[in-house]
PDB file of N, CA and C in Angstrom:
ATOM      1  N   MET A   1       0.809  -1.191   0.000  1.00  0.00           N
ATOM      2  CA  MET A   1       0.000   0.000   0.000  1.00  0.00           C
ATOM      3  C   MET A   1       0.859   1.266   0.000  1.00  0.00           C
ATOM      4  N   LEU A   2       1.983   1.201   0.680  1.00  0.00           N
ATOM      5  CA  LEU A   2       2.856   2.368   0.719  1.00  0.00           C
ATOM      6  C   LEU A   2       3.427   2.673  -0.668  1.00  0.00           C
ATOM      7  N   TYR A   3       3.737   1.623  -1.406  1.00  0.00           N
ATOM      8  CA  TYR A   3       4.278   1.840  -2.750  1.00  0.00           C
ATOM      9  C   TYR A   3       3.211   2.447  -3.660  1.00  0.00           C
ATOM     10  N   LEU A   4       1.972   2.082  -3.457  1.00  0.00           N
ATOM     11  CA  LEU A   4       0.873   2.678  -4.214  1.00  0.00           C
ATOM     12  C   LEU A   4       0.801   4.177  -3.934  1.00  0.00           C
ATOM     13  N   ALA A   5       1.021   4.571  -2.697  1.00  0.00           N
ATOM     14  CA  ALA A   5       1.038   5.993  -2.349  1.00  0.00           C
ATOM     15  C   ALA A   5       2.172   6.721  -3.068  1.00  0.00           C
ATOM     16  N   VAL A   6       3.310   6.079  -3.174  1.00  0.00           N
ATOM     17  CA  VAL A   6       4.443   6.681  -3.888  1.00  0.00           C
ATOM     18  C   VAL A   6       4.103   6.875  -5.362  1.00  0.00           C
ATOM     19  N   VAL A   7       3.497   5.878  -5.972  1.00  0.00           N
ATOM     20  CA  VAL A   7       3.126   5.963  -7.385  1.00  0.00           C
ATOM     21  C   VAL A   7       2.099   7.077  -7.595  1.00  0.00           C
ATOM     22  N   LEU A   8       1.107   7.139  -6.731  1.00  0.00           N
ATOM     23  CA  LEU A   8       0.103   8.202  -6.845  1.00  0.00           C
ATOM     24  C   LEU A   8       0.733   9.581  -6.694  1.00  0.00           C
ATOM     25  N   PHE A   9       1.669   9.715  -5.776  1.00  0.00           N
ATOM     26  CA  PHE A   9       2.369  10.985  -5.595  1.00  0.00           C
ATOM     27  C   PHE A   9       3.116  11.366  -6.864  1.00  0.00           C
ATOM     28  N   GLN A  10       3.785  10.412  -7.486  1.00  0.00           N
ATOM     29  CA  GLN A  10       4.517  10.695  -8.713  1.00  0.00           C
ATOM     30  C   GLN A  10       3.580  11.107  -9.836  1.00  0.00           C
ATOM     31  N   VAL A  11       2.449  10.454  -9.957  1.00  0.00           N
ATOM     32  CA  VAL A  11       1.489  10.794 -11.008  1.00  0.00           C
ATOM     33  C   VAL A  11       0.931  12.197 -10.778  1.00  0.00           C
ATOM     34  N   ILE A  12       0.648  12.518  -9.530  1.00  0.00           N
ATOM     35  CA  ILE A  12       0.095  13.839  -9.213  1.00  0.00           C
ATOM     36  C   ILE A  12       1.102  14.946  -9.471  1.00  0.00           C
ATOM     37  N   THR A  13       2.379  14.685  -9.238  1.00  0.00           N
ATOM     38  CA  THR A  13       3.381  15.736  -9.405  1.00  0.00           C
ATOM     39  C   THR A  13       3.860  15.923 -10.849  1.00  0.00           C
ATOM     40  N   LEU A  14       3.477  15.044 -11.756  1.00  0.00           N
ATOM     41  CA  LEU A  14       3.907  15.199 -13.155  1.00  0.00           C
ATOM     42  C   LEU A  14       3.521  16.556 -13.748  1.00  0.00           C
ATOM     43  N   PRO A  15       2.269  17.000 -13.629  1.00  0.00           N
ATOM     44  CA  PRO A  15       1.937  18.317 -14.187  1.00  0.00           C
ATOM     45  C   PRO A  15       2.723  19.454 -13.535  1.00  0.00           C
ATOM     46  N   VAL A  16       3.038  19.301 -12.268  1.00  0.00           N
ATOM     47  CA  VAL A  16       3.826  20.320 -11.568  1.00  0.00           C
ATOM     48  C   VAL A  16       5.215  20.428 -12.186  1.00  0.00           C
ATOM     49  N   GLU A  17       5.807  19.301 -12.508  1.00  0.00           N
ATOM     50  CA  GLU A  17       7.145  19.299 -13.097  1.00  0.00           C
ATOM     51  C   GLU A  17       7.145  19.936 -14.486  1.00  0.00           C
ATOM     52  N   PHE A  18       6.130  19.616 -15.292  1.00  0.00           N
ATOM     53  CA  PHE A  18       6.063  20.227 -16.616  1.00  0.00           C
ATOM     54  C   PHE A  18       5.831  21.724 -16.512  1.00  0.00           C
ATOM     55  N   ASN A  19       5.007  22.147 -15.577  1.00  0.00           N
ATOM     56  CA  ASN A  19       4.776  23.567 -15.373  1.00  0.00           C
ATOM     57  C   ASN A  19       6.055  24.264 -14.910  1.00  0.00           C
ATOM     58  N   ALA A  20       6.823  23.616 -14.075  1.00  0.00           N
ATOM     59  CA  ALA A  20       8.082  24.199 -13.606  1.00  0.00           C
ATOM     60  C   ALA A  20       9.051  24.405 -14.769  1.00  0.00           C
ATOM     61  N   SER A  21       9.081  23.462 -15.693  1.00  0.00           N
ATOM     62  CA  SER A  21       9.955  23.609 -16.860  1.00  0.00           C
ATOM     63  C   SER A  21       9.508  24.783 -17.731  1.00  0.00           C
ATOM     64  N   LYS A  22       8.205  24.932 -17.893  1.00  0.00           N
ATOM     65  CA  LYS A  22       7.694  26.055 -18.697  1.00  0.00           C
ATOM     66  C   LYS A  22       8.014  27.391 -18.037  1.00  0.00           C
ATOM     67  N   ARG A  23       7.851  27.445 -16.714  1.00  0.00           N
ATOM     68  CA  ARG A  23       8.155  28.699 -16.003  1.00  0.00           C
ATOM     69  C   ARG A  23       9.645  29.012 -16.059  1.00  0.00           C
ATOM     70  N   ALA A  24      10.477  27.996 -15.955  1.00  0.00           N
ATOM     71  CA  ALA A  24      11.919  28.214 -16.029  1.00  0.00           C
ATOM     72  C   ALA A  24      12.314  28.730 -17.406  1.00  0.00           C
ATOM     73  N   LEU A  25      11.742  28.160 -18.451  1.00  0.00           N
ATOM     74  CA  LEU A  25      12.047  28.623 -19.803  1.00  0.00           C
ATOM     75  C   LEU A  25      11.615  30.069 -19.984  1.00  0.00           C
ATOM     76  N   TYR A  26      10.452  30.417 -19.459  1.00  0.00           N
ATOM     77  CA  TYR A  26       9.977  31.799 -19.548  1.00  0.00           C
ATOM     78  C   TYR A  26      10.966  32.745 -18.864  1.00  0.00           C
ATOM     79  N   GLN A  27      11.445  32.366 -17.686  1.00  0.00           N
ATOM     80  CA  GLN A  27      12.418  33.200 -16.974  1.00  0.00           C
ATOM     81  C   GLN A  27      13.727  33.319 -17.745  1.00  0.00           C
ATOM     82  N   LEU A  28      14.160  32.213 -18.321  1.00  0.00           N
ATOM     83  CA  LEU A  28      15.409  32.232 -19.082  1.00  0.00           C
ATOM     84  C   LEU A  28      15.300  33.115 -20.318  1.00  0.00           C
ATOM     85  N   GLU A  29      14.163  33.030 -21.000  1.00  0.00           N
ATOM     86  CA  GLU A  29      13.970  33.818 -22.225  1.00  0.00           C
ATOM     87  C   GLU A  29      13.927  35.320 -21.947  1.00  0.00           C
ATOM     88  N   ASN A  30      13.569  35.682 -20.743  1.00  0.00           N
ATOM     89  CA  ASN A  30      13.418  37.095 -20.408  1.00  0.00           C
ATOM     90  C   ASN A  30      14.629  37.659 -19.692  1.00  0.00           C
ATOM     91  N   GLY A  31      15.780  37.472 -20.284  1.00  0.00           N
ATOM     92  CA  GLY A  31      16.938  38.183 -19.797  1.00  0.00           C
ATOM     93  C   GLY A  31      18.120  37.372 -19.312  1.00  0.00           C
ATOM     94  N   ILE A  32      17.982  36.091 -19.130  1.00  0.00           N
ATOM     95  CA  ILE A  32      19.103  35.330 -18.589  1.00  0.00           C
ATOM     96  C   ILE A  32      19.947  34.703 -19.693  1.00  0.00           C
ATOM     97  N   ILE A  33      19.312  34.289 -20.785  1.00  0.00           N
ATOM     98  CA  ILE A  33      20.057  33.661 -21.880  1.00  0.00           C
ATOM     99  C   ILE A  33      19.866  34.461 -23.161  1.00  0.00           C
ATOM    100  N   PHE A  34      20.750  34.210 -24.105  1.00  0.00           N
ATOM    101  CA  PHE A  34      20.647  34.849 -25.414  1.00  0.00           C
ATOM    102  C   PHE A  34      19.588  34.133 -26.255  1.00  0.00           C
ATOM    103  N   LYS A  35      19.084  34.821 -27.246  1.00  0.00           N
ATOM    104  CA  LYS A  35      18.012  34.269 -28.094  1.00  0.00           C
ATOM    105  C   LYS A  35      18.425  32.972 -28.782  1.00  0.00           C
ATOM    106  N   ASP A  36      19.701  32.863 -29.166  1.00  0.00           N
ATOM    107  CA  ASP A  36      20.135  31.650 -29.867  1.00  0.00           C
ATOM    108  C   ASP A  36      20.297  30.443 -28.922  1.00  0.00           C
ATOM    109  N   GLU A  37      20.167  30.662 -27.630  1.00  0.00           N
ATOM    110  CA  GLU A  37      20.275  29.569 -26.663  1.00  0.00           C
ATOM    111  C   GLU A  37      18.912  29.030 -26.217  1.00  0.00           C
ATOM    112  N   VAL A  38      17.834  29.631 -26.701  1.00  0.00           N
ATOM    113  CA  VAL A  38      16.494  29.262 -26.248  1.00  0.00           C
ATOM    114  C   VAL A  38      16.160  27.814 -26.618  1.00  0.00           C
ATOM    115  N   LYS A  39      16.434  27.417 -27.856  1.00  0.00           N
ATOM    116  CA  LYS A  39      16.079  26.061 -28.285  1.00  0.00           C
ATOM    117  C   LYS A  39      16.821  25.007 -27.466  1.00  0.00           C
ATOM    118  N   ALA A  40      18.097  25.217 -27.251  1.00  0.00           N
ATOM    119  CA  ALA A  40      18.869  24.251 -26.465  1.00  0.00           C
ATOM    120  C   ALA A  40      18.356  24.186 -25.027  1.00  0.00           C
ATOM    121  N   SER A  41      18.017  25.327 -24.467  1.00  0.00           N
ATOM    122  CA  SER A  41      17.482  25.359 -23.109  1.00  0.00           C
ATOM    123  C   SER A  41      16.148  24.636 -23.036  1.00  0.00           C
ATOM    124  N   LYS A  42      15.312  24.850 -24.039  1.00  0.00           N
ATOM    125  CA  LYS A  42      14.021  24.171 -24.072  1.00  0.00           C
ATOM    126  C   LYS A  42      14.211  22.669 -24.167  1.00  0.00           C
ATOM    127  N   ASP A  43      15.157  22.227 -24.985  1.00  0.00           N
ATOM    128  CA  ASP A  43      15.431  20.799 -25.122  1.00  0.00           C
ATOM    129  C   ASP A  43      15.881  20.186 -23.791  1.00  0.00           C
ATOM    130  N   VAL A  44      16.747  20.887 -23.079  1.00  0.00           N
ATOM    131  CA  VAL A  44      17.246  20.380 -21.802  1.00  0.00           C
ATOM    132  C   VAL A  44      16.123  20.320 -20.769  1.00  0.00           C
ATOM    133  N   LEU A  45      15.303  21.369 -20.709  1.00  0.00           N
ATOM    134  CA  LEU A  45      14.206  21.373 -19.749  1.00  0.00           C
ATOM    135  C   LEU A  45      13.162  20.308 -20.077  1.00  0.00           C
ATOM    136  N   THR A  46      12.920  20.075 -21.341  1.00  0.00           N
ATOM    137  CA  THR A  46      11.994  19.014 -21.745  1.00  0.00           C
ATOM    138  C   THR A  46      12.555  17.650 -21.354  1.00  0.00           C
ATOM    139  N   ALA A  47      13.836  17.446 -21.579  1.00  0.00           N
ATOM    140  CA  ALA A  47      14.466  16.180 -21.197  1.00  0.00           C
ATOM    141  C   ALA A  47      14.394  15.982 -19.684  1.00  0.00           C
ATOM    142  N   ALA A  48      14.586  17.051 -18.936  1.00  0.00           N
ATOM    143  CA  ALA A  48      14.500  16.943 -17.476  1.00  0.00           C
ATOM    144  C   ALA A  48      13.090  16.562 -17.044  1.00  0.00           C
ATOM    145  N   ALA A  49      12.082  17.160 -17.659  1.00  0.00           N
ATOM    146  CA  ALA A  49      10.697  16.825 -17.324  1.00  0.00           C
ATOM    147  C   ALA A  49      10.378  15.384 -17.721  1.00  0.00           C
ATOM    148  N   LEU A  50      10.934  14.935 -18.820  1.00  0.00           N
ATOM    149  CA  LEU A  50      10.659  13.565 -19.278  1.00  0.00           C
ATOM    150  C   LEU A  50      11.296  12.513 -18.367  1.00  0.00           C
ATOM    151  N   THR A  51      12.320  12.895 -17.605  1.00  0.00           N
ATOM    152  CA  THR A  51      12.879  11.938 -16.652  1.00  0.00           C
ATOM    153  C   THR A  51      11.848  11.599 -15.587  1.00  0.00           C
ATOM    154  N   TYR A  52      11.004  12.567 -15.244  1.00  0.00           N
ATOM    155  CA  TYR A  52       9.942  12.296 -14.276  1.00  0.00           C
ATOM    156  C   TYR A  52       8.890  11.365 -14.875  1.00  0.00           C
ATOM    157  N   VAL A  53       8.615  11.515 -16.154  1.00  0.00           N
ATOM    158  CA  VAL A  53       7.675  10.619 -16.830  1.00  0.00           C
ATOM    159  C   VAL A  53       8.235   9.198 -16.822  1.00  0.00           C
ATOM    160  N   ALA A  54       9.500   9.071 -17.146  1.00  0.00           N
ATOM    161  CA  ALA A  54      10.124   7.745 -17.163  1.00  0.00           C
ATOM    162  C   ALA A  54      10.114   7.120 -15.771  1.00  0.00           C
ATOM    163  N   ALA A  55      10.420   7.897 -14.757  1.00  0.00           N
ATOM    164  CA  ALA A  55      10.416   7.371 -13.389  1.00  0.00           C
ATOM    165  C   ALA A  55       9.021   6.930 -12.973  1.00  0.00           C
ATOM    166  N   THR A  56       8.020   7.682 -13.386  1.00  0.00           N
ATOM    167  CA  THR A  56       6.639   7.319 -13.054  1.00  0.00           C
ATOM    168  C   THR A  56       6.235   6.034 -13.760  1.00  0.00           C
ATOM    169  N   LEU A  57       6.596   5.895 -15.018  1.00  0.00           N
ATOM    170  CA  LEU A  57       6.279   4.668 -15.751  1.00  0.00           C
ATOM    171  C   LEU A  57       6.964   3.457 -15.134  1.00  0.00           C
ATOM    172  N   VAL A  58       8.198   3.626 -14.716  1.00  0.00           N
ATOM    173  CA  VAL A  58       8.914   2.528 -14.058  1.00  0.00           C
ATOM    174  C   VAL A  58       8.235   2.175 -12.741  1.00  0.00           C
ATOM    175  N   ALA A  59       7.817   3.189 -11.989  1.00  0.00           N
ATOM    176  CA  ALA A  59       7.146   2.946 -10.711  1.00  0.00           C
ATOM    177  C   ALA A  59       5.819   2.222 -10.925  1.00  0.00           C
ATOM    178  N   ILE A  60       5.076   2.602 -11.957  1.00  0.00           N
ATOM    179  CA  ILE A  60       3.814   1.922 -12.265  1.00  0.00           C
ATOM    180  C   ILE A  60       4.081   0.467 -12.648  1.00  0.00           C
ATOM    181  N   GLY A  61       5.095   0.243 -13.464  1.00  0.00           N
ATOM    182  CA  GLY A  61       5.460  -1.123 -13.837  1.00  0.00           C
ATOM    183  C   GLY A  61       5.858  -1.954 -12.632  1.00  0.00           C
ATOM    184  N   GLN A  62       6.617  -1.350 -11.745  1.00  0.00           N
ATOM    185  CA  GLN A  62       7.035  -2.055 -10.528  1.00  0.00           C
ATOM    186  C   GLN A  62       5.831  -2.359  -9.642  1.00  0.00           C
ATOM    187  N   LEU A  63       4.891  -1.418  -9.549  1.00  0.00           N
ATOM    188  CA  LEU A  63       3.688  -1.656  -8.759  1.00  0.00           C
ATOM    189  C   LEU A  63       2.885  -2.826  -9.332  1.00  0.00           C
ATOM    190  N   LEU A  64       2.734  -2.847 -10.647  1.00  0.00           N
ATOM    191  CA  LEU A  64       2.023  -3.960 -11.286  1.00  0.00           C
ATOM    192  C   LEU A  64       2.733  -5.285 -11.032  1.00  0.00           C
ATOM    193  N   ARG A  65       4.045  -5.260 -11.080  1.00  0.00           N
ATOM    194  CA  ARG A  65       4.836  -6.467 -10.808  1.00  0.00           C
ATOM    195  C   ARG A  65       4.612  -6.937  -9.376  1.00  0.00           C
ATOM    196  N   LEU A  66       4.655  -6.011  -8.422  1.00  0.00           N
ATOM    197  CA  LEU A  66       4.451  -6.374  -7.025  1.00  0.00           C
ATOM    198  C   LEU A  66       3.040  -6.916  -6.788  1.00  0.00           C
ATOM    199  N   LEU A  67       2.050  -6.308  -7.430  1.00  0.00           N
ATOM    200  CA  LEU A  67       0.684  -6.808  -7.306  1.00  0.00           C
ATOM    201  C   LEU A  67       0.552  -8.203  -7.888  1.00  0.00           C
ATOM    202  N   SER A  68       1.213  -8.440  -9.015  1.00  0.00           N
ATOM    203  CA  SER A  68       1.198  -9.758  -9.638  1.00  0.00           C
ATOM    204  C   SER A  68       1.823 -10.806  -8.746  1.00  0.00           C
ATOM    205  N   ILE A  69       2.949 -10.479  -8.155  1.00  0.00           N
ATOM    206  CA  ILE A  69       3.626 -11.412  -7.244  1.00  0.00           C
ATOM    207  C   ILE A  69       2.754 -11.671  -6.025  1.00  0.00           C
ATOM    208  N   SER A  70       2.124 -10.623  -5.520  1.00  0.00           N
ATOM    209  CA  SER A  70       1.269 -10.767  -4.334  1.00  0.00           C
ATOM    210  C   SER A  70       0.080 -11.666  -4.629  1.00  0.00           C
ATOM    211  N   ASN A  71      -0.526 -11.481  -5.786  1.00  0.00           N
ATOM    212  CA  ASN A  71      -1.668 -12.312  -6.166  1.00  0.00           C
ATOM    213  C   ASN A  71      -1.258 -13.750  -6.435  1.00  0.00           C
ATOM    214  N   ARG A  72      -0.091 -13.947  -6.976  1.00  0.00           N
ATOM    215  CA  ARG A  72       0.394 -15.296  -7.268  1.00  0.00           C
ATOM    216  C   ARG A  72       0.630 -16.059  -5.965  1.00  0.00           C
ATOM    217  N   ASN A  73       1.127 -15.362  -4.945  1.00  0.00           N
ATOM    218  CA  ASN A  73       1.403 -16.016  -3.671  1.00  0.00           C
ATOM    219  C   ASN A  73       0.126 -16.374  -2.920  1.00  0.00           C
ATOM    220  N   ARG A  74      -0.962 -15.705  -3.203  1.00  0.00           N
ATOM    221  CA  ARG A  74      -2.237 -15.999  -2.530  1.00  0.00           C
ATOM    222  C   ARG A  74      -2.892 -17.262  -3.085  1.00  0.00           C
ATOM    223  N   ASP A  75      -2.588 -17.590  -4.336  1.00  0.00           N
ATOM    224  CA  ASP A  75      -3.213 -18.760  -4.971  1.00  0.00           C
ATOM    225  C   ASP A  75      -2.648 -20.050  -4.502  1.00  0.00           C
TER     226      ASP A  75
END
């Protein structure tokens, strides 16, 4: 049950992470980086946000695996 809580927390925080990347890019575009660096910065921030997606997918897969093992042991 505790692992289910972790997975739910990760799913809930995904939109927060994507929003944080968008806000960071907005801040960078408005005075911190040069115009020719915007695309590279966007790529890096997108990759950072996608690491959270990958971690969430792995956690969901692990949860399904644990549930499968738990159900197999009950039979």
